[in-house]
Amino acid sequence: MARAEARYVRVSPQKARLVVDMIRGQKAGDAVNALRVVNKRIAPAVEKVLHSAIANAKAKATDVDVDNLIVSRAYVNEGPRMKRVRPAPMGRAYRYQRRMAHIVVEVAEKGKGKE
């Protein structure tokens, strides 16, 4: 099992989970193809994390069959929030939060690790 993580990605965790939920449990090659065609802004970042996890699996063990890898775990955690202020009528100010996410993808060979 190998994992990769992208931290402090400037996207709402809720939006990132829509894409990550789509690839969980798929074969690694199928997941890459799915991420290439999905029309979400976060998809290229998730694809980059997936490629990194595949590369980590190759580096970890020399006998890894890349065609046999599956996305065993994939999840998104909430990162820190940036507090911002937006001008409002009558001299007031509205606060809003810009959210960040931590994206984690783990790959394992079929039949090994958590599935």
N, C-alpha and C. Protein backbone atom coordinates (compact mmCIF):
# COMPACT_ATOMS: atom_id res chain seq x y z
N MET A 1 0.84 -1.18 0.00
CA MET A 1 0.00 0.00 0.00
C MET A 1 0.88 1.24 0.00
N ALA A 2 0.53 2.19 -0.85
CA ALA A 2 1.25 3.45 -0.90
C ALA A 2 0.24 4.58 -0.87
N ARG A 3 0.68 5.72 -0.34
CA ARG A 3 -0.24 6.84 -0.23
C ARG A 3 0.42 8.12 -0.68
N ALA A 4 -0.42 9.08 -1.04
CA ALA A 4 0.05 10.42 -1.38
C ALA A 4 -0.98 11.40 -0.84
N GLU A 5 -0.50 12.60 -0.53
CA GLU A 5 -1.36 13.59 0.11
C GLU A 5 -1.06 14.97 -0.45
N ALA A 6 -2.10 15.72 -0.74
CA ALA A 6 -1.95 17.12 -1.12
C ALA A 6 -2.60 17.94 -0.01
N ARG A 7 -1.82 18.81 0.59
CA ARG A 7 -2.33 19.59 1.72
C ARG A 7 -2.54 21.04 1.31
N TYR A 8 -3.47 21.68 1.98
CA TYR A 8 -3.77 23.10 1.80
C TYR A 8 -4.19 23.43 0.37
N VAL A 9 -5.02 22.59 -0.22
CA VAL A 9 -5.54 22.84 -1.56
C VAL A 9 -6.70 23.82 -1.43
N ARG A 10 -6.69 24.87 -2.23
CA ARG A 10 -7.67 25.94 -2.11
C ARG A 10 -8.98 25.55 -2.79
N VAL A 11 -9.70 24.66 -2.16
CA VAL A 11 -11.02 24.26 -2.64
C VAL A 11 -11.81 23.81 -1.42
N SER A 12 -13.10 23.95 -1.49
CA SER A 12 -13.95 23.50 -0.40
C SER A 12 -13.88 21.98 -0.30
N PRO A 13 -13.74 21.43 0.91
CA PRO A 13 -13.70 19.98 1.05
C PRO A 13 -14.94 19.29 0.50
N GLN A 14 -16.08 19.94 0.63
CA GLN A 14 -17.33 19.37 0.12
C GLN A 14 -17.26 19.18 -1.39
N LYS A 15 -16.68 20.13 -2.09
CA LYS A 15 -16.57 20.04 -3.55
C LYS A 15 -15.53 18.99 -3.95
N ALA A 16 -14.45 18.90 -3.17
CA ALA A 16 -13.41 17.92 -3.48
C ALA A 16 -13.92 16.50 -3.24
N ARG A 17 -14.79 16.33 -2.24
CA ARG A 17 -15.31 14.99 -1.93
C ARG A 17 -16.16 14.44 -3.08
N LEU A 18 -16.82 15.32 -3.82
CA LEU A 18 -17.62 14.86 -4.96
C LEU A 18 -16.76 14.11 -5.96
N VAL A 19 -15.53 14.60 -6.19
CA VAL A 19 -14.63 13.98 -7.15
C VAL A 19 -13.95 12.75 -6.54
N VAL A 20 -13.51 12.86 -5.30
CA VAL A 20 -12.79 11.77 -4.65
C VAL A 20 -13.69 10.56 -4.45
N ASP A 21 -14.97 10.79 -4.12
CA ASP A 21 -15.91 9.68 -3.94
C ASP A 21 -16.08 8.88 -5.23
N MET A 22 -15.88 9.56 -6.36
CA MET A 22 -16.08 8.93 -7.66
C MET A 22 -15.00 7.88 -7.96
N ILE A 23 -13.77 8.08 -7.46
CA ILE A 23 -12.67 7.18 -7.82
C ILE A 23 -12.40 6.10 -6.78
N ARG A 24 -12.97 6.22 -5.61
CA ARG A 24 -12.70 5.26 -4.53
C ARG A 24 -13.11 3.86 -4.95
N GLY A 25 -12.20 2.89 -4.81
CA GLY A 25 -12.48 1.50 -5.13
C GLY A 25 -12.24 1.12 -6.58
N GLN A 26 -11.93 2.08 -7.44
CA GLN A 26 -11.69 1.78 -8.85
C GLN A 26 -10.26 1.33 -9.08
N LYS A 27 -10.02 0.72 -10.22
CA LYS A 27 -8.65 0.42 -10.63
C LYS A 27 -7.95 1.76 -10.90
N ALA A 28 -6.66 1.82 -10.67
CA ALA A 28 -5.92 3.07 -10.79
C ALA A 28 -6.01 3.65 -12.20
N GLY A 29 -5.89 2.81 -13.22
CA GLY A 29 -5.97 3.29 -14.60
C GLY A 29 -7.34 3.84 -14.93
N ASP A 30 -8.39 3.16 -14.46
CA ASP A 30 -9.75 3.64 -14.69
C ASP A 30 -10.00 4.95 -13.96
N ALA A 31 -9.43 5.09 -12.77
CA ALA A 31 -9.60 6.32 -11.99
C ALA A 31 -8.94 7.51 -12.69
N VAL A 32 -7.76 7.28 -13.28
CA VAL A 32 -7.08 8.36 -14.01
C VAL A 32 -7.92 8.79 -15.21
N ASN A 33 -8.47 7.83 -15.93
CA ASN A 33 -9.31 8.15 -17.09
C ASN A 33 -10.57 8.90 -16.66
N ALA A 34 -11.16 8.50 -15.55
CA ALA A 34 -12.36 9.17 -15.06
C ALA A 34 -12.06 10.61 -14.66
N LEU A 35 -10.90 10.83 -14.04
CA LEU A 35 -10.55 12.19 -13.62
C LEU A 35 -10.23 13.10 -14.80
N ARG A 36 -9.79 12.51 -15.91
CA ARG A 36 -9.49 13.33 -17.09
C ARG A 36 -10.75 13.88 -17.75
N VAL A 37 -11.87 13.17 -17.63
CA VAL A 37 -13.08 13.59 -18.32
C VAL A 37 -14.08 14.32 -17.42
N VAL A 38 -13.91 14.24 -16.11
CA VAL A 38 -14.87 14.90 -15.22
C VAL A 38 -14.69 16.42 -15.29
N ASN A 39 -15.81 17.13 -15.27
CA ASN A 39 -15.78 18.58 -15.47
C ASN A 39 -15.83 19.31 -14.12
N LYS A 40 -14.79 19.13 -13.32
CA LYS A 40 -14.68 19.81 -12.03
C LYS A 40 -13.30 20.43 -11.93
N ARG A 41 -13.21 21.59 -11.30
CA ARG A 41 -11.95 22.33 -11.21
C ARG A 41 -10.90 21.58 -10.39
N ILE A 42 -11.33 20.77 -9.44
CA ILE A 42 -10.40 20.07 -8.56
C ILE A 42 -9.87 18.78 -9.16
N ALA A 43 -10.46 18.30 -10.24
CA ALA A 43 -10.09 17.01 -10.83
C ALA A 43 -8.60 16.91 -11.18
N PRO A 44 -7.98 17.93 -11.80
CA PRO A 44 -6.54 17.82 -12.09
C PRO A 44 -5.68 17.67 -10.83
N ALA A 45 -6.06 18.31 -9.75
CA ALA A 45 -5.30 18.19 -8.50
C ALA A 45 -5.43 16.78 -7.93
N VAL A 46 -6.63 16.21 -7.99
CA VAL A 46 -6.83 14.84 -7.50
C VAL A 46 -6.06 13.86 -8.38
N GLU A 47 -6.05 14.12 -9.69
CA GLU A 47 -5.30 13.26 -10.61
C GLU A 47 -3.80 13.30 -10.30
N LYS A 48 -3.30 14.48 -9.97
CA LYS A 48 -1.89 14.62 -9.62
C LYS A 48 -1.55 13.83 -8.36
N VAL A 49 -2.44 13.86 -7.38
CA VAL A 49 -2.23 13.09 -6.14
C VAL A 49 -2.26 11.60 -6.45
N LEU A 50 -3.18 11.18 -7.32
CA LEU A 50 -3.27 9.76 -7.69
C LEU A 50 -2.00 9.30 -8.40
N HIS A 51 -1.49 10.11 -9.32
CA HIS A 51 -0.23 9.77 -10.01
C HIS A 51 0.92 9.66 -9.00
N SER A 52 0.92 10.55 -8.03
CA SER A 52 1.96 10.52 -7.01
C SER A 52 1.87 9.24 -6.17
N ALA A 53 0.65 8.81 -5.84
CA ALA A 53 0.48 7.58 -5.07
C ALA A 53 0.94 6.36 -5.87
N ILE A 54 0.66 6.37 -7.18
CA ILE A 54 1.12 5.27 -8.04
C ILE A 54 2.65 5.25 -8.10
N ALA A 55 3.25 6.42 -8.23
CA ALA A 55 4.72 6.50 -8.26
C ALA A 55 5.31 6.06 -6.93
N ASN A 56 4.66 6.40 -5.83
CA ASN A 56 5.14 5.97 -4.51
C ASN A 56 5.06 4.44 -4.37
N ALA A 57 4.01 3.84 -4.96
CA ALA A 57 3.89 2.38 -4.92
C ALA A 57 5.03 1.73 -5.71
N LYS A 58 5.37 2.33 -6.87
CA LYS A 58 6.48 1.79 -7.67
C LYS A 58 7.80 1.91 -6.91
N ALA A 59 8.00 3.04 -6.23
CA ALA A 59 9.25 3.27 -5.52
C ALA A 59 9.36 2.39 -4.27
N LYS A 60 8.23 2.08 -3.67
CA LYS A 60 8.22 1.31 -2.42
C LYS A 60 8.61 -0.14 -2.66
N ALA A 61 8.11 -0.73 -3.74
CA ALA A 61 8.41 -2.12 -4.04
C ALA A 61 8.63 -2.27 -5.55
N THR A 62 9.63 -3.03 -5.90
CA THR A 62 9.97 -3.18 -7.32
C THR A 62 9.05 -4.16 -8.04
N ASP A 63 8.39 -5.04 -7.31
CA ASP A 63 7.56 -6.06 -7.95
C ASP A 63 6.09 -5.65 -8.06
N VAL A 64 5.80 -4.36 -7.98
CA VAL A 64 4.41 -3.88 -8.04
C VAL A 64 3.93 -3.88 -9.49
N ASP A 65 2.77 -4.48 -9.70
CA ASP A 65 2.13 -4.46 -11.02
C ASP A 65 1.17 -3.27 -11.05
N VAL A 66 1.51 -2.26 -11.83
CA VAL A 66 0.73 -1.02 -11.87
C VAL A 66 -0.69 -1.28 -12.38
N ASP A 67 -0.83 -2.23 -13.30
CA ASP A 67 -2.16 -2.53 -13.84
C ASP A 67 -3.06 -3.20 -12.80
N ASN A 68 -2.47 -3.68 -11.73
CA ASN A 68 -3.23 -4.39 -10.70
C ASN A 68 -3.55 -3.50 -9.50
N LEU A 69 -3.16 -2.23 -9.54
CA LEU A 69 -3.39 -1.32 -8.42
C LEU A 69 -4.83 -0.83 -8.40
N ILE A 70 -5.37 -0.70 -7.21
CA ILE A 70 -6.70 -0.10 -7.04
C ILE A 70 -6.60 1.04 -6.02
N VAL A 71 -7.55 1.95 -6.09
CA VAL A 71 -7.62 3.05 -5.13
C VAL A 71 -8.31 2.48 -3.88
N SER A 72 -7.49 2.07 -2.91
CA SER A 72 -8.04 1.40 -1.73
C SER A 72 -8.72 2.39 -0.79
N ARG A 73 -8.12 3.55 -0.60
CA ARG A 73 -8.72 4.59 0.25
C ARG A 73 -8.50 5.93 -0.42
N ALA A 74 -9.50 6.78 -0.34
CA ALA A 74 -9.39 8.15 -0.84
C ALA A 74 -10.36 8.99 -0.03
N TYR A 75 -9.82 10.03 0.58
CA TYR A 75 -10.69 10.88 1.40
C TYR A 75 -10.16 12.31 1.41
N VAL A 76 -11.03 13.21 1.85
CA VAL A 76 -10.71 14.64 1.91
C VAL A 76 -10.99 15.13 3.32
N ASN A 77 -10.00 15.73 3.94
CA ASN A 77 -10.17 16.35 5.26
C ASN A 77 -10.19 17.86 5.11
N GLU A 78 -10.78 18.51 6.08
CA GLU A 78 -10.85 19.97 6.05
C GLU A 78 -9.54 20.54 6.56
N GLY A 79 -9.03 21.54 5.85
CA GLY A 79 -7.82 22.24 6.27
C GLY A 79 -8.20 23.49 7.03
N PRO A 80 -7.24 24.37 7.27
CA PRO A 80 -7.56 25.62 7.96
C PRO A 80 -8.42 26.53 7.08
N ARG A 81 -9.13 27.41 7.72
CA ARG A 81 -9.97 28.35 6.98
C ARG A 81 -9.33 29.73 7.03
N MET A 82 -9.37 30.41 5.89
CA MET A 82 -8.89 31.79 5.84
C MET A 82 -10.09 32.71 6.08
N LYS A 83 -9.99 33.52 7.10
CA LYS A 83 -11.08 34.45 7.39
C LYS A 83 -10.87 35.73 6.59
N ARG A 84 -11.91 36.14 5.90
CA ARG A 84 -11.83 37.33 5.06
C ARG A 84 -13.00 38.25 5.39
N VAL A 85 -12.87 39.53 4.98
CA VAL A 85 -13.90 40.53 5.24
C VAL A 85 -14.35 41.12 3.92
N ARG A 86 -15.66 41.21 3.76
CA ARG A 86 -16.24 41.81 2.55
C ARG A 86 -16.98 43.07 2.96
N PRO A 87 -16.76 44.17 2.27
CA PRO A 87 -17.49 45.40 2.61
C PRO A 87 -19.00 45.21 2.46
N ALA A 88 -19.73 45.82 3.35
CA ALA A 88 -21.19 45.71 3.36
C ALA A 88 -21.79 47.12 3.41
N PRO A 89 -23.08 47.23 3.17
CA PRO A 89 -23.70 48.56 3.19
C PRO A 89 -23.59 49.26 4.54
N MET A 90 -23.63 50.56 4.51
CA MET A 90 -23.65 51.42 5.70
C MET A 90 -22.40 51.24 6.56
N GLY A 91 -21.26 51.04 5.95
CA GLY A 91 -20.00 50.97 6.67
C GLY A 91 -19.76 49.68 7.43
N ARG A 92 -20.62 48.72 7.24
CA ARG A 92 -20.44 47.46 7.94
C ARG A 92 -19.51 46.53 7.16
N ALA A 93 -19.22 45.38 7.75
CA ALA A 93 -18.36 44.39 7.08
C ALA A 93 -18.93 43.01 7.34
N TYR A 94 -18.98 42.20 6.31
CA TYR A 94 -19.42 40.81 6.43
C TYR A 94 -18.19 39.92 6.41
N ARG A 95 -18.13 38.97 7.34
CA ARG A 95 -17.02 38.02 7.36
C ARG A 95 -17.41 36.78 6.57
N TYR A 96 -16.45 36.23 5.85
CA TYR A 96 -16.66 34.95 5.18
C TYR A 96 -15.38 34.15 5.27
N GLN A 97 -15.49 32.85 5.00
CA GLN A 97 -14.36 31.95 5.16
C GLN A 97 -14.02 31.29 3.83
N ARG A 98 -12.74 31.30 3.50
CA ARG A 98 -12.27 30.59 2.31
C ARG A 98 -11.68 29.28 2.81
N ARG A 99 -12.25 28.20 2.36
CA ARG A 99 -11.90 26.90 2.90
C ARG A 99 -10.74 26.25 2.14
N MET A 100 -10.05 25.37 2.86
CA MET A 100 -8.97 24.59 2.27
C MET A 100 -9.21 23.11 2.57
N ALA A 101 -8.58 22.26 1.76
CA ALA A 101 -8.78 20.82 1.92
C ALA A 101 -7.43 20.10 1.87
N HIS A 102 -7.40 18.96 2.56
CA HIS A 102 -6.27 18.04 2.48
C HIS A 102 -6.79 16.79 1.76
N ILE A 103 -6.20 16.45 0.61
CA ILE A 103 -6.65 15.32 -0.20
C ILE A 103 -5.67 14.16 -0.01
N VAL A 104 -6.19 12.98 0.34
CA VAL A 104 -5.36 11.79 0.57
C VAL A 104 -5.86 10.66 -0.34
N VAL A 105 -4.92 10.04 -1.06
CA VAL A 105 -5.24 8.90 -1.93
C VAL A 105 -4.27 7.77 -1.59
N GLU A 106 -4.82 6.58 -1.35
CA GLU A 106 -3.99 5.41 -1.08
C GLU A 106 -4.30 4.35 -2.13
N VAL A 107 -3.25 3.75 -2.68
CA VAL A 107 -3.41 2.67 -3.65
C VAL A 107 -2.80 1.40 -3.08
N ALA A 108 -3.38 0.28 -3.45
CA ALA A 108 -2.88 -1.03 -3.02
C ALA A 108 -3.11 -2.01 -4.14
N GLU A 109 -2.32 -3.09 -4.12
CA GLU A 109 -2.53 -4.14 -5.12
C GLU A 109 -3.79 -4.91 -4.79
N LYS A 110 -4.48 -5.33 -5.81
CA LYS A 110 -5.74 -6.07 -5.63
C LYS A 110 -5.45 -7.31 -4.82
N GLY A 111 -6.23 -7.51 -3.76
CA GLY A 111 -6.04 -8.67 -2.91
C GLY A 111 -5.14 -8.41 -1.72
N LYS A 112 -4.47 -7.26 -1.69
CA LYS A 112 -3.61 -6.91 -0.58
C LYS A 112 -4.10 -5.61 0.04
N GLY A 113 -3.86 -5.41 1.33
CA GLY A 113 -4.22 -4.16 2.00
C GLY A 113 -5.72 -4.02 2.18
N LYS A 114 -6.13 -2.79 2.49
CA LYS A 114 -7.55 -2.51 2.74
C LYS A 114 -8.26 -2.30 1.41
N GLU A 115 -9.44 -2.89 1.29
CA GLU A 115 -10.23 -2.72 0.06
C GLU A 115 -11.62 -2.28 0.39
